[in-house]
C-alpha atoms as a PDB file:
ATOM      1  CA  MET A   1     223.614   4.308-109.401  1.00  0.00           C
ATOM      2  CA  SER A   2     225.302   7.686-108.766  1.00  0.00           C
ATOM      3  CA  ILE A   3     225.832   9.114-105.317  1.00  0.00           C
ATOM      4  CA  ARG A   4     223.221  11.831-106.015  1.00  0.00           C
ATOM      5  CA  GLN A   5     220.605   9.264-107.030  1.00  0.00           C
ATOM      6  CA  ARG A   6     221.368   7.189-103.948  1.00  0.00           C
ATOM      7  CA  THR A   7     220.907  10.296-101.798  1.00  0.00           C
ATOM      8  CA  TYR A   8     217.525  10.990-103.408  1.00  0.00           C
ATOM      9  CA  VAL A   9     216.417   7.410-102.794  1.00  0.00           C
ATOM     10  CA  LEU A  10     217.435   7.552 -99.141  1.00  0.00           C
ATOM     11  CA  ALA A  11     215.745  10.930 -98.729  1.00  0.00           C
ATOM     12  CA  GLY A  12     212.532   9.570-100.225  1.00  0.00           C
ATOM     13  CA  LEU A  13     212.738   6.524 -97.974  1.00  0.00           C
ATOM     14  CA  LEU A  14     213.209   8.814 -94.968  1.00  0.00           C
ATOM     15  CA  VAL A  15     210.126  10.853 -95.874  1.00  0.00           C
ATOM     16  CA  LEU A  16     208.099   7.655 -96.319  1.00  0.00           C
ATOM     17  CA  LEU A  17     209.174   6.236 -92.974  1.00  0.00           C
ATOM     18  CA  VAL A  18     208.560   9.550 -91.189  1.00  0.00           C
ATOM     19  CA  THR A  19     205.045   9.647 -92.633  1.00  0.00           C
ATOM     20  CA  LEU A  20     204.409   6.033 -91.633  1.00  0.00           C
ATOM     21  CA  SER A  21     205.767   6.643 -88.131  1.00  0.00           C
ATOM     22  CA  THR A  22     203.574   9.718 -87.749  1.00  0.00           C
ATOM     23  CA  VAL A  23     200.492   7.683 -88.601  1.00  0.00           C
ATOM     24  CA  LEU A  24     201.335   4.683 -86.430  1.00  0.00           C
ATOM     25  CA  LEU A  25     202.649   6.654 -83.464  1.00  0.00           C
ATOM     26  CA  SER A  26     200.134   9.496 -83.561  1.00  0.00           C
ATOM     27  CA  SER A  27     198.829   8.670 -80.080  1.00  0.00           C
ATOM     28  CA  VAL A  28     202.229   9.277 -78.460  1.00  0.00           C
ATOM     29  CA  LEU A  29     203.555  12.102 -80.629  1.00  0.00           C
ATOM     30  CA  ALA A  30     202.417  14.679 -78.073  1.00  0.00           C
ATOM     31  CA  THR A  31     204.346  12.845 -75.335  1.00  0.00           C
ATOM     32  CA  VAL A  32     207.468  12.652 -77.507  1.00  0.00           C
ATOM     33  CA  PHE A  33     207.227  16.334 -78.397  1.00  0.00           C
ATOM     34  CA  PHE A  34     206.730  17.294 -74.763  1.00  0.00           C
ATOM     35  CA  ALA A  35     209.761  15.242 -73.701  1.00  0.00           C
ATOM     36  CA  ILE A  36     211.921  16.901 -76.371  1.00  0.00           C
ATOM     37  CA  THR A  37     210.927  20.401 -75.271  1.00  0.00           C
ATOM     38  CA  VAL A  38     211.581  19.648 -71.605  1.00  0.00           C
ATOM     39  CA  ALA A  39     214.980  18.157 -72.507  1.00  0.00           C
ATOM     40  CA  TYR A  40     215.817  21.389 -74.348  1.00  0.00           C
ATOM     41  CA  VAL A  41     215.225  23.379 -71.178  1.00  0.00           C
ATOM     42  CA  LEU A  42     216.869  20.942 -68.745  1.00  0.00           C
ATOM     43  CA  PHE A  43     220.018  20.336 -70.803  1.00  0.00           C
ATOM     44  CA  PRO A  44     221.984  23.243 -69.234  1.00  0.00           C
ATOM     45  CA  LEU A  45     221.028  21.969 -65.786  1.00  0.00           C
ATOM     46  CA  SER A  46     222.202  18.464 -66.647  1.00  0.00           C
ATOM     47  CA  GLU A  47     225.494  19.872 -67.945  1.00  0.00           C
ATOM     48  CA  TRP A  48     225.895  21.833 -64.717  1.00  0.00           C
ATOM     49  CA  PHE A  49     225.542  18.629 -62.708  1.00  0.00           C
ATOM     50  CA  VAL A  50     228.205  17.025 -64.909  1.00  0.00           C
ATOM     51  CA  ASP A  51     230.531  19.976 -64.257  1.00  0.00           C
ATOM     52  CA  GLN A  52     229.965  19.433 -60.524  1.00  0.00           C
ATOM     53  CA  GLY A  53     231.363  15.920 -60.837  1.00  0.00           C
ATOM     54  CA  LEU A  54     228.305  13.739 -61.471  1.00  0.00           C
ATOM     55  CA  SER A  55     228.368  11.152 -64.219  1.00  0.00           C
ATOM     56  CA  LYS A  56     226.218  11.763 -67.302  1.00  0.00           C
ATOM     57  CA  ARG A  57     223.844   8.988 -66.271  1.00  0.00           C
ATOM     58  CA  LEU A  58     223.389  10.356 -62.760  1.00  0.00           C
ATOM     59  CA  ALA A  59     223.088  13.958 -63.999  1.00  0.00           C
ATOM     60  CA  ALA A  60     220.382  12.898 -66.447  1.00  0.00           C
ATOM     61  CA  ALA A  61     218.541  11.001 -63.705  1.00  0.00           C
ATOM     62  CA  VAL A  62     218.661  13.943 -61.283  1.00  0.00           C
ATOM     63  CA  SER A  63     217.488  16.377 -63.969  1.00  0.00           C
ATOM     64  CA  THR A  64     214.612  14.061 -64.872  1.00  0.00           C
ATOM     65  CA  ALA A  65     213.591  13.857 -61.220  1.00  0.00           C
ATOM     66  CA  ILE A  66     213.657  17.653 -60.994  1.00  0.00           C
ATOM     67  CA  ALA A  67     211.326  17.829 -63.996  1.00  0.00           C
ATOM     68  CA  PHE A  68     208.787  15.622 -62.213  1.00  0.00           C
ATOM     69  CA  VAL A  69     209.055  17.632 -58.993  1.00  0.00           C
ATOM     70  CA  ALA A  70     208.521  20.889 -60.905  1.00  0.00           C
ATOM     71  CA  GLY A  71     205.520  19.444 -62.703  1.00  0.00           C
ATOM     72  CA  SER A  72     204.075  18.235 -59.428  1.00  0.00           C
ATOM     73  CA  LEU A  73     204.489  21.687 -57.895  1.00  0.00           C
ATOM     74  CA  VAL A  74     202.224  23.025 -60.632  1.00  0.00           C
ATOM     75  CA  LEU A  75     199.536  20.328 -60.754  1.00  0.00           C
ATOM     76  CA  VAL A  76     199.306  18.946 -57.217  1.00  0.00           C
ATOM     77  CA  PRO A  77     198.532  22.263 -55.438  1.00  0.00           C
ATOM     78  CA  LEU A  78     195.764  23.053 -57.919  1.00  0.00           C
ATOM     79  CA  VAL A  79     194.100  19.658 -57.512  1.00  0.00           C
ATOM     80  CA  ALA A  80     194.513  19.759 -53.728  1.00  0.00           C
ATOM     81  CA  VAL A  81     193.061  23.261 -53.523  1.00  0.00           C
ATOM     82  CA  LEU A  82     190.063  22.379 -55.661  1.00  0.00           C
ATOM     83  CA  TYR A  83     189.409  19.268 -53.558  1.00  0.00           C
ATOM     84  CA  ARG A  84     189.757  20.986 -50.180  1.00  0.00           C
ATOM     85  CA  ARG A  85     187.704  23.990 -51.246  1.00  0.00           C
ATOM     86  CA  ARG A  86     184.958  22.055 -53.013  1.00  0.00           C
ATOM     87  CA  ARG A  87     182.397  22.927 -50.334  1.00  0.00           C
ATOM     88  CA  ASP A  88     183.246  26.623 -50.526  1.00  0.00           C
ATOM     89  CA  LEU A  89     182.810  26.454 -54.288  1.00  0.00           C
ATOM     90  CA  PHE A  90     179.410  24.791 -53.911  1.00  0.00           C
ATOM     91  CA  VAL A  91     178.313  27.468 -51.431  1.00  0.00           C
ATOM     92  CA  PHE A  92     179.531  30.215 -53.742  1.00  0.00           C
ATOM     93  CA  PHE A  93     177.652  28.794 -56.717  1.00  0.00           C
ATOM     94  CA  GLN A  94     174.504  28.450 -54.647  1.00  0.00           C
ATOM     95  CA  ARG A  95     174.684  32.127 -53.679  1.00  0.00           C
ATOM     96  CA  LEU A  96     174.759  33.254 -57.291  1.00  0.00           C
ATOM     97  CA  PRO A  97     171.471  34.677 -58.616  1.00  0.00           C
ATOM     98  CA  ASP A  98     169.561  32.827 -61.317  1.00  0.00           C
ATOM     99  CA  GLU A  99     170.078  35.700 -63.715  1.00  0.00           C
ATOM    100  CA  VAL A 100     172.382  38.717 -63.954  1.00  0.00           C
ATOM    101  CA  THR A 101     171.526  41.710 -66.134  1.00  0.00           C
ATOM    102  CA  VAL A 102     174.410  43.651 -67.662  1.00  0.00           C
ATOM    103  CA  ALA A 103     173.368  47.220 -68.524  1.00  0.00           C
ATOM    104  CA  VAL A 104     175.352  49.476 -70.847  1.00  0.00           C
ATOM    105  CA  GLY A 105     173.645  52.808 -71.403  1.00  0.00           C
ATOM    106  CA  GLU A 106     170.149  52.167 -72.707  1.00  0.00           C
ATOM    107  CA  PHE A 107     170.887  48.563 -73.560  1.00  0.00           C
ATOM    108  CA  SER A 108     170.685  45.618 -71.165  1.00  0.00           C
ATOM    109  CA  TYR A 109     171.624  41.984 -71.637  1.00  0.00           C
ATOM    110  CA  PRO A 110     170.380  39.237 -69.281  1.00  0.00           C
ATOM    111  CA  ILE A 111     172.790  36.385 -68.488  1.00  0.00           C
ATOM    112  CA  ASP A 112     171.286  33.081 -67.421  1.00  0.00           C
ATOM    113  CA  VAL A 113     173.721  32.108 -64.667  1.00  0.00           C
ATOM    114  CA  GLN A 114     172.070  28.807 -63.743  1.00  0.00           C
ATOM    115  CA  SER A 115     172.159  27.495 -67.313  1.00  0.00           C
ATOM    116  CA  ALA A 116     175.835  28.369 -67.543  1.00  0.00           C
ATOM    117  CA  LEU A 117     176.515  26.540 -64.266  1.00  0.00           C
ATOM    118  CA  VAL A 118     174.672  23.431 -65.476  1.00  0.00           C
ATOM    119  CA  THR A 119     176.712  23.439 -68.679  1.00  0.00           C
ATOM    120  CA  ALA A 120     179.949  23.854 -66.737  1.00  0.00           C
ATOM    121  CA  ARG A 121     178.969  21.057 -64.345  1.00  0.00           C
ATOM    122  CA  ASP A 122     178.235  18.645 -67.205  1.00  0.00           C
ATOM    123  CA  ALA A 123     181.500  19.524 -68.923  1.00  0.00           C
ATOM    124  CA  THR A 124     183.447  18.971 -65.694  1.00  0.00           C
ATOM    125  CA  ALA A 125     181.775  15.588 -65.171  1.00  0.00           C
ATOM    126  CA  ASP A 126     182.676  14.537 -68.716  1.00  0.00           C
ATOM    127  CA  VAL A 127     186.299  15.531 -68.178  1.00  0.00           C
ATOM    128  CA  ALA A 128     186.429  13.595 -64.894  1.00  0.00           C
ATOM    129  CA  VAL A 129     185.017  10.458 -66.529  1.00  0.00           C
ATOM    130  CA  ASP A 130     187.470  10.715 -69.430  1.00  0.00           C
ATOM    131  CA  LEU A 131     190.426  11.123 -67.060  1.00  0.00           C
ATOM    132  CA  ALA A 132     189.332   8.129 -64.994  1.00  0.00           C
ATOM    133  CA  SER A 133     188.997   5.918 -68.080  1.00  0.00           C
ATOM    134  CA  GLU A 134     192.384   6.995 -69.478  1.00  0.00           C
ATOM    135  CA  THR A 135     194.368   6.564 -66.266  1.00  0.00           C
ATOM    136  CA  PRO A 136     196.267   3.440 -67.498  1.00  0.00           C
ATOM    137  CA  ILE A 137     197.106   5.200 -70.767  1.00  0.00           C
ATOM    138  CA  LEU A 138     198.303   8.287 -68.925  1.00  0.00           C
ATOM    139  CA  ALA A 139     200.503   6.140 -66.704  1.00  0.00           C
ATOM    140  CA  LEU A 140     202.038   4.465 -69.756  1.00  0.00           C
ATOM    141  CA  LYS A 141     202.678   7.835 -71.372  1.00  0.00           C
ATOM    142  CA  ALA A 142     204.328   9.039 -68.161  1.00  0.00           C
ATOM    143  CA  VAL A 143     206.718   6.079 -68.309  1.00  0.00           C
ATOM    144  CA  LEU A 144     207.452   6.822 -71.975  1.00  0.00           C
ATOM    145  CA  PHE A 145     208.065  10.481 -71.151  1.00  0.00           C
ATOM    146  CA  THR A 146     210.497   9.527 -68.384  1.00  0.00           C
ATOM    147  CA  ILE A 147     212.477   7.167 -70.607  1.00  0.00           C
ATOM    148  CA  LEU A 148     212.706   9.664 -73.468  1.00  0.00           C
ATOM    149  CA  LEU A 149     213.683  12.564 -71.228  1.00  0.00           C
ATOM    150  CA  TYR A 150     216.372  10.530 -69.492  1.00  0.00           C
ATOM    151  CA  ALA A 151     217.751   9.228 -72.805  1.00  0.00           C
ATOM    152  CA  MET A 152     217.941  12.698 -74.371  1.00  0.00           C
ATOM    153  CA  LEU A 153     219.657  14.176 -71.308  1.00  0.00           C
ATOM    154  CA  TRP A 154     222.084  11.267 -71.159  1.00  0.00           C
ATOM    155  CA  GLN A 155     223.018  11.486 -74.859  1.00  0.00           C
ATOM    156  CA  PRO A 156     222.042  15.043 -75.847  1.00  0.00           C
ATOM    157  CA  SER A 157     224.449  15.374 -78.752  1.00  0.00           C
ATOM    158  CA  ALA A 158     223.207  12.318 -80.672  1.00  0.00           C
ATOM    159  CA  PRO A 159     220.204  13.985 -82.392  1.00  0.00           C
ATOM    160  CA  GLY A 160     222.281  17.048 -83.276  1.00  0.00           C
ATOM    161  CA  LYS A 161     224.992  14.949 -84.893  1.00  0.00           C
ATOM    162  CA  VAL A 162     222.409  13.182 -87.040  1.00  0.00           C
ATOM    163  CA  VAL A 163     220.844  16.469 -88.121  1.00  0.00           C
ATOM    164  CA  TYR A 164     224.153  18.133 -88.998  1.00  0.00           C
ATOM    165  CA  ARG A 165     225.325  15.042 -90.901  1.00  0.00           C
ATOM    166  CA  THR A 166     222.060  14.922 -92.829  1.00  0.00           C
ATOM    167  CA  VAL A 167     221.833  18.618 -93.699  1.00  0.00           C
ATOM    168  CA  PRO A 168     224.405  19.935 -96.230  1.00  0.00           C
ATOM    169  CA  LYS A 169     227.176  22.018 -94.649  1.00  0.00           C
ATOM    170  CA  PRO A 170     226.175  25.353 -96.293  1.00  0.00           C
ATOM    171  CA  TYR A 171     222.879  25.148 -94.369  1.00  0.00           C
ATOM    172  CA  HIS A 172     224.337  24.404 -90.937  1.00  0.00           C
ATOM    173  CA  ASP A 173     223.986  28.041 -89.903  1.00  0.00           C
ATOM    174  CA  ILE A 174     220.238  27.848 -90.571  1.00  0.00           C
ATOM    175  CA  VAL A 175     219.937  24.777 -88.360  1.00  0.00           C
ATOM    176  CA  THR A 176     221.872  26.580 -85.626  1.00  0.00           C
ATOM    177  CA  ARG A 177     219.621  29.642 -85.866  1.00  0.00           C
ATOM    178  CA  PHE A 178     216.500  27.486 -85.600  1.00  0.00           C
ATOM    179  CA  HIS A 179     217.999  25.608 -82.659  1.00  0.00           C
ATOM    180  CA  THR A 180     218.763  28.869 -80.837  1.00  0.00           C
ATOM    181  CA  ARG A 181     215.274  30.224 -81.508  1.00  0.00           C
ATOM    182  CA  VAL A 182     213.563  27.046 -80.260  1.00  0.00           C
ATOM    183  CA  ARG A 183     215.701  26.945 -77.121  1.00  0.00           C
ATOM    184  CA  SER A 184     214.997  30.572 -76.218  1.00  0.00           C
ATOM    185  CA  THR A 185     211.273  30.176 -76.928  1.00  0.00           C
ATOM    186  CA  LEU A 186     211.028  27.098 -74.733  1.00  0.00           C
ATOM    187  CA  TYR A 187     212.941  28.918 -72.017  1.00  0.00           C
ATOM    188  CA  ALA A 188     210.377  31.709 -72.213  1.00  0.00           C
ATOM    189  CA  ILE A 189     207.496  29.219 -71.966  1.00  0.00           C
ATOM    190  CA  TYR A 190     208.850  27.084 -69.146  1.00  0.00           C
ATOM    191  CA  VAL A 191     211.347  29.015 -67.032  1.00  0.00           C
ATOM    192  CA  LEU A 192     210.326  32.651 -67.489  1.00  0.00           C
ATOM    193  CA  GLN A 193     206.615  31.899 -67.225  1.00  0.00           C
ATOM    194  CA  ALA A 194     207.165  29.603 -64.241  1.00  0.00           C
ATOM    195  CA  ALA A 195     209.184  32.255 -62.375  1.00  0.00           C
ATOM    196  CA  THR A 196     206.569  34.898 -63.136  1.00  0.00           C
ATOM    197  CA  ALA A 197     203.787  32.530 -62.072  1.00  0.00           C
ATOM    198  CA  PHE A 198     205.503  31.846 -58.747  1.00  0.00           C
ATOM    199  CA  GLY A 199     205.938  35.567 -58.131  1.00  0.00           C
ATOM    200  CA  THR A 200     202.274  36.102 -59.008  1.00  0.00           C
ATOM    201  CA  PHE A 201     201.287  33.409 -56.501  1.00  0.00           C
ATOM    202  CA  LEU A 202     203.269  35.036 -53.680  1.00  0.00           C
ATOM    203  CA  VAL A 203     201.945  38.541 -54.357  1.00  0.00           C
ATOM    204  CA  ALA A 204     198.364  37.304 -54.764  1.00  0.00           C
ATOM    205  CA  TRP A 205     198.529  35.256 -51.553  1.00  0.00           C
ATOM    206  CA  ALA A 206     199.758  38.260 -49.585  1.00  0.00           C
ATOM    207  CA  LEU A 207     197.168  40.604 -51.090  1.00  0.00           C
ATOM    208  CA  PHE A 208     194.229  38.234 -50.658  1.00  0.00           C
ATOM    209  CA  ALA A 209     195.250  37.513 -47.083  1.00  0.00           C
ATOM    210  CA  VAL A 210     195.494  41.232 -46.245  1.00  0.00           C
ATOM    211  CA  LEU A 211     192.067  41.844 -47.786  1.00  0.00           C
ATOM    212  CA  GLY A 212     190.662  39.014 -45.677  1.00  0.00           C
ATOM    213  CA  LEU A 213     189.344  36.933 -48.569  1.00  0.00           C
ATOM    214  CA  ASN A 214     188.250  33.385 -47.813  1.00  0.00           C
ATOM    215  CA  GLY A 215     190.486  30.816 -49.459  1.00  0.00           C
ATOM    216  CA  ALA A 216     193.328  33.278 -50.092  1.00  0.00           C
ATOM    217  CA  PHE A 217     195.830  30.465 -50.708  1.00  0.00           C
ATOM    218  CA  ALA A 218     193.530  28.678 -53.165  1.00  0.00           C
ATOM    219  CA  LEU A 219     192.814  31.857 -55.103  1.00  0.00           C
ATOM    220  CA  ALA A 220     196.547  32.650 -55.222  1.00  0.00           C
ATOM    221  CA  VAL A 221     197.323  29.191 -56.630  1.00  0.00           C
ATOM    222  CA  VAL A 222     194.775  29.679 -59.411  1.00  0.00           C
ATOM    223  CA  ALA A 223     196.141  33.168 -60.137  1.00  0.00           C
ATOM    224  CA  GLY A 224     199.679  31.811 -60.410  1.00  0.00           C
ATOM    225  CA  ILE A 225     198.697  29.009 -62.771  1.00  0.00           C
ATOM    226  CA  LEU A 226     196.707  31.401 -64.959  1.00  0.00           C
ATOM    227  CA  GLN A 227     199.922  33.376 -65.453  1.00  0.00           C
ATOM    228  CA  PHE A 228     200.761  30.726 -68.066  1.00  0.00           C
ATOM    229  CA  VAL A 229     197.820  31.946 -70.160  1.00  0.00           C
ATOM    230  CA  PRO A 230     199.096  34.915 -72.202  1.00  0.00           C
ATOM    231  CA  VAL A 231     197.336  38.301 -72.210  1.00  0.00           C
ATOM    232  CA  VAL A 232     194.455  37.043 -70.007  1.00  0.00           C
ATOM    233  CA  GLY A 233     196.529  35.779 -67.089  1.00  0.00           C
ATOM    234  CA  PRO A 234     195.580  36.208 -63.413  1.00  0.00           C
ATOM    235  CA  SER A 235     193.313  39.149 -64.239  1.00  0.00           C
ATOM    236  CA  VAL A 236     190.508  36.608 -64.630  1.00  0.00           C
ATOM    237  CA  VAL A 237     190.745  35.722 -60.928  1.00  0.00           C
ATOM    238  CA  ILE A 238     190.786  39.382 -59.907  1.00  0.00           C
ATOM    239  CA  LEU A 239     187.753  40.258 -62.012  1.00  0.00           C
ATOM    240  CA  ALA A 240     185.893  37.142 -60.812  1.00  0.00           C
ATOM    241  CA  ILE A 241     186.479  38.089 -57.164  1.00  0.00           C
ATOM    242  CA  ALA A 242     185.421  41.665 -57.869  1.00  0.00           C
ATOM    243  CA  ALA A 243     182.285  40.433 -59.631  1.00  0.00           C
ATOM    244  CA  SER A 244     181.376  38.212 -56.676  1.00  0.00           C
ATOM    245  CA  GLU A 245     181.823  41.167 -54.299  1.00  0.00           C
ATOM    246  CA  ALA A 246     179.662  43.347 -56.519  1.00  0.00           C
ATOM    247  CA  ILE A 247     176.940  40.680 -56.676  1.00  0.00           C
ATOM    248  CA  ALA A 248     177.061  40.447 -52.862  1.00  0.00           C
ATOM    249  CA  GLY A 249     176.427  44.214 -52.720  1.00  0.00           C
ATOM    250  CA  ASP A 250     179.924  45.364 -51.699  1.00  0.00           C
ATOM    251  CA  ALA A 251     180.686  47.891 -54.452  1.00  0.00           C
ATOM    252  CA  VAL A 252     183.586  49.491 -52.550  1.00  0.00           C
ATOM    253  CA  GLY A 253     185.223  46.120 -51.978  1.00  0.00           C
ATOM    254  CA  ALA A 254     184.841  45.286 -55.661  1.00  0.00           C
ATOM    255  CA  VAL A 255     186.594  48.519 -56.670  1.00  0.00           C
ATOM    256  CA  VAL A 256     189.418  47.996 -54.148  1.00  0.00           C
ATOM    257  CA  ILE A 257     190.033  44.423 -55.277  1.00  0.00           C
ATOM    258  CA  THR A 258     189.967  45.451 -58.933  1.00  0.00           C
ATOM    259  CA  VAL A 259     192.450  48.304 -58.527  1.00  0.00           C
ATOM    260  CA  LEU A 260     194.880  46.577 -56.161  1.00  0.00           C
ATOM    261  CA  GLY A 261     194.552  43.188 -57.848  1.00  0.00           C
ATOM    262  CA  LEU A 262     195.153  44.355 -61.399  1.00  0.00           C
ATOM    263  CA  THR A 263     198.068  46.511 -60.237  1.00  0.00           C
ATOM    264  CA  LEU A 264     199.844  44.199 -57.793  1.00  0.00           C
ATOM    265  CA  VAL A 265     198.870  40.775 -59.113  1.00  0.00           C
ATOM    266  CA  GLY A 266     198.210  41.401 -62.783  1.00  0.00           C
ATOM    267  CA  PHE A 267     200.993  43.912 -63.500  1.00  0.00           C
ATOM    268  CA  LEU A 268     203.727  43.884 -60.836  1.00  0.00           C
ATOM    269  CA  PRO A 269     205.185  40.355 -61.337  1.00  0.00           C
ATOM    270  CA  ASP A 270     205.360  40.890 -65.099  1.00  0.00           C
ATOM    271  CA  ALA A 271     207.022  44.264 -64.634  1.00  0.00           C
ATOM    272  CA  VAL A 272     209.615  43.059 -62.102  1.00  0.00           C
ATOM    273  CA  ILE A 273     210.434  39.419 -62.915  1.00  0.00           C
ATOM    274  CA  ARG A 274     210.034  39.212 -66.670  1.00  0.00           C
ATOM    275  CA  PRO A 275     212.558  41.964 -67.600  1.00  0.00           C
ATOM    276  CA  ARG A 276     215.228  40.329 -65.433  1.00  0.00           C
ATOM    277  CA  LEU A 277     214.931  37.027 -67.297  1.00  0.00           C
ATOM    278  CA  ALA A 278     213.982  38.321 -70.753  1.00  0.00           C
ATOM    279  CA  ARG A 279     217.617  38.543 -71.874  1.00  0.00           C
ATOM    280  CA  TYR A 280     217.668  34.750 -72.134  1.00  0.00           C
ATOM    281  CA  THR A 281     214.841  34.755 -74.683  1.00  0.00           C
ATOM    282  CA  THR A 282     214.386  36.047 -78.232  1.00  0.00           C
ATOM    283  CA  GLY A 283     211.744  38.524 -77.131  1.00  0.00           C
ATOM    284  CA  MET A 284     208.752  37.325 -79.145  1.00  0.00           C
ATOM    285  CA  PRO A 285     206.038  40.009 -79.133  1.00  0.00           C
ATOM    286  CA  ALA A 286     203.204  39.212 -76.729  1.00  0.00           C
ATOM    287  CA  SER A 287     200.630  39.480 -79.517  1.00  0.00           C
ATOM    288  CA  LEU A 288     202.326  36.789 -81.621  1.00  0.00           C
ATOM    289  CA  TYR A 289     202.859  34.635 -78.537  1.00  0.00           C
ATOM    290  CA  PHE A 290     199.134  34.873 -77.843  1.00  0.00           C
ATOM    291  CA  VAL A 291     198.352  33.934 -81.467  1.00  0.00           C
ATOM    292  CA  GLY A 292     200.599  30.875 -81.215  1.00  0.00           C
ATOM    293  CA  PHE A 293     199.229  29.895 -77.817  1.00  0.00           C
ATOM    294  CA  THR A 294     195.564  30.241 -78.833  1.00  0.00           C
ATOM    295  CA  GLY A 295     195.943  28.621 -82.242  1.00  0.00           C
ATOM    296  CA  GLY A 296     198.019  25.771 -80.832  1.00  0.00           C
ATOM    297  CA  VAL A 297     195.578  24.972 -78.026  1.00  0.00           C
ATOM    298  CA  LEU A 298     192.541  25.109 -80.315  1.00  0.00           C
ATOM    299  CA  SER A 299     194.232  22.944 -82.963  1.00  0.00           C
ATOM    300  CA  LEU A 300     196.236  20.429 -80.924  1.00  0.00           C
ATOM    301  CA  GLY A 301     194.809  20.575 -77.418  1.00  0.00           C
ATOM    302  CA  ILE A 302     197.010  21.000 -74.351  1.00  0.00           C
ATOM    303  CA  ILE A 303     200.256  20.282 -76.246  1.00  0.00           C
ATOM    304  CA  GLY A 304     199.458  23.287 -78.427  1.00  0.00           C
ATOM    305  CA  PHE A 305     200.335  25.427 -75.409  1.00  0.00           C
ATOM    306  CA  ILE A 306     203.960  24.680 -76.358  1.00  0.00           C
ATOM    307  CA  ALA A 307     203.748  23.758 -80.044  1.00  0.00           C
ATOM    308  CA  GLY A 308     201.894  26.903 -81.119  1.00  0.00           C
ATOM    309  CA  PRO A 309     204.435  29.460 -79.831  1.00  0.00           C
ATOM    310  CA  VAL A 310     207.322  27.290 -81.079  1.00  0.00           C
ATOM    311  CA  VAL A 311     205.913  27.203 -84.622  1.00  0.00           C
ATOM    312  CA  VAL A 312     205.341  30.969 -84.566  1.00  0.00           C
ATOM    313  CA  ALA A 313     208.904  31.472 -83.303  1.00  0.00           C
ATOM    314  CA  LEU A 314     210.296  29.330 -86.132  1.00  0.00           C
ATOM    315  CA  LEU A 315     208.215  31.320 -88.612  1.00  0.00           C
ATOM    316  CA  LEU A 316     209.701  34.555 -87.269  1.00  0.00           C
ATOM    317  CA  GLU A 317     213.198  33.109 -87.503  1.00  0.00           C
ATOM    318  CA  ALA A 318     212.602  32.006 -91.107  1.00  0.00           C
ATOM    319  CA  VAL A 319     211.411  35.517 -91.991  1.00  0.00           C
ATOM    320  CA  GLN A 320     214.480  37.003 -90.311  1.00  0.00           C
ATOM    321  CA  LEU A 321     216.768  34.572 -92.160  1.00  0.00           C
ATOM    322  CA  LEU A 322     215.198  35.516 -95.475  1.00  0.00           C
ATOM    323  CA  ALA A 323     215.513  39.217 -94.682  1.00  0.00           C
ATOM    324  CA  ASP A 324     219.169  38.769 -93.714  1.00  0.00           C
ATOM    325  CA  GLU A 325     219.816  36.792 -96.896  1.00  0.00           C
ATOM    326  CA  ASN A 326     218.239  39.452 -99.097  1.00  0.00           C
ATOM    327  CA  GLY A 327     220.138  42.159 -97.254  1.00  0.00           C
ATOM    328  CA  ALA A 328     223.418  40.314 -97.791  1.00  0.00           C
ATOM    329  CA  HIS A 329     222.682  39.954-101.531  1.00  0.00           C
ATOM    330  CA  ALA A 330     221.800  43.647-101.766  1.00  0.00           C
ATOM    331  CA  ASP A 331     225.071  44.648-100.066  1.00  0.00           C
ATOM    332  CA  THR A 332     227.038  42.373-102.413  1.00  0.00           C
ATOM    333  CA  GLN A 333     225.410  43.830-105.527  1.00  0.00           C
ATOM    334  CA  ALA A 334     225.954  47.366-104.265  1.00  0.00           C
END
């Protein structure tokens, strides 16, 4: 058997085993993917700890702990706010009218508010029951995530060596380009969005407190978290507050909240924070980021929040590679 035939056999065996692994490990693929993306972002931090004198094991452990603290800073405040403000939410929902009529010119459209609330309540109850039943599974996945993240930060070069040894040398530049694109996209999703979300939270908290809104801290937390949702963002919170003020009969308050909220909360953090950190990213257009985000979430669930933009970014990089290749051939022929 020639070397080329042996290579084809091994490649076919690899494809078969990857397919089999995908089928058998489908329930944890999202966890594995999530761990890989987080390791991408935390690798420079782990290397910085090594440069400061920590061992690779200890640097990986500290970076992993930081990942859990950062995740807790996102999830725990939201859950705590929702729990502490549950009575205020119930009172707010009870104050809503049974029906709201939206009039545009000569046309009017009635919205059945109570039916929408019943649907939302049932959906929330279903989600709560599902989370309670899957708690042991979630705990096991958390352990798996921790092990994978620690292992990849401890030995970060191992996967790269395998990839570069597997891919023929003339294609190494393509692998490097894809690696750079994925890293910058993940930085944009995690670090840039997180910094912008924190800035949104601070500005929203200050604005809501000055306006004297009840639950200013809770509303600011929600606004900050919604910063992770492209295009829509914290504007949803602003418009919801304005709508509640309008329903309560305070038209002036609704206008003030809309103008100040959309300007200071919806626009200012993006305008100030994002440009300062954008140089670390590949600058994916917001429209394509929104396409990747929406398509990923609808197709894959919560993990699509990351997978969708990454796939779109790789598609853009492939198009750019092809354009560069054609341009190089055209210059050579000329």
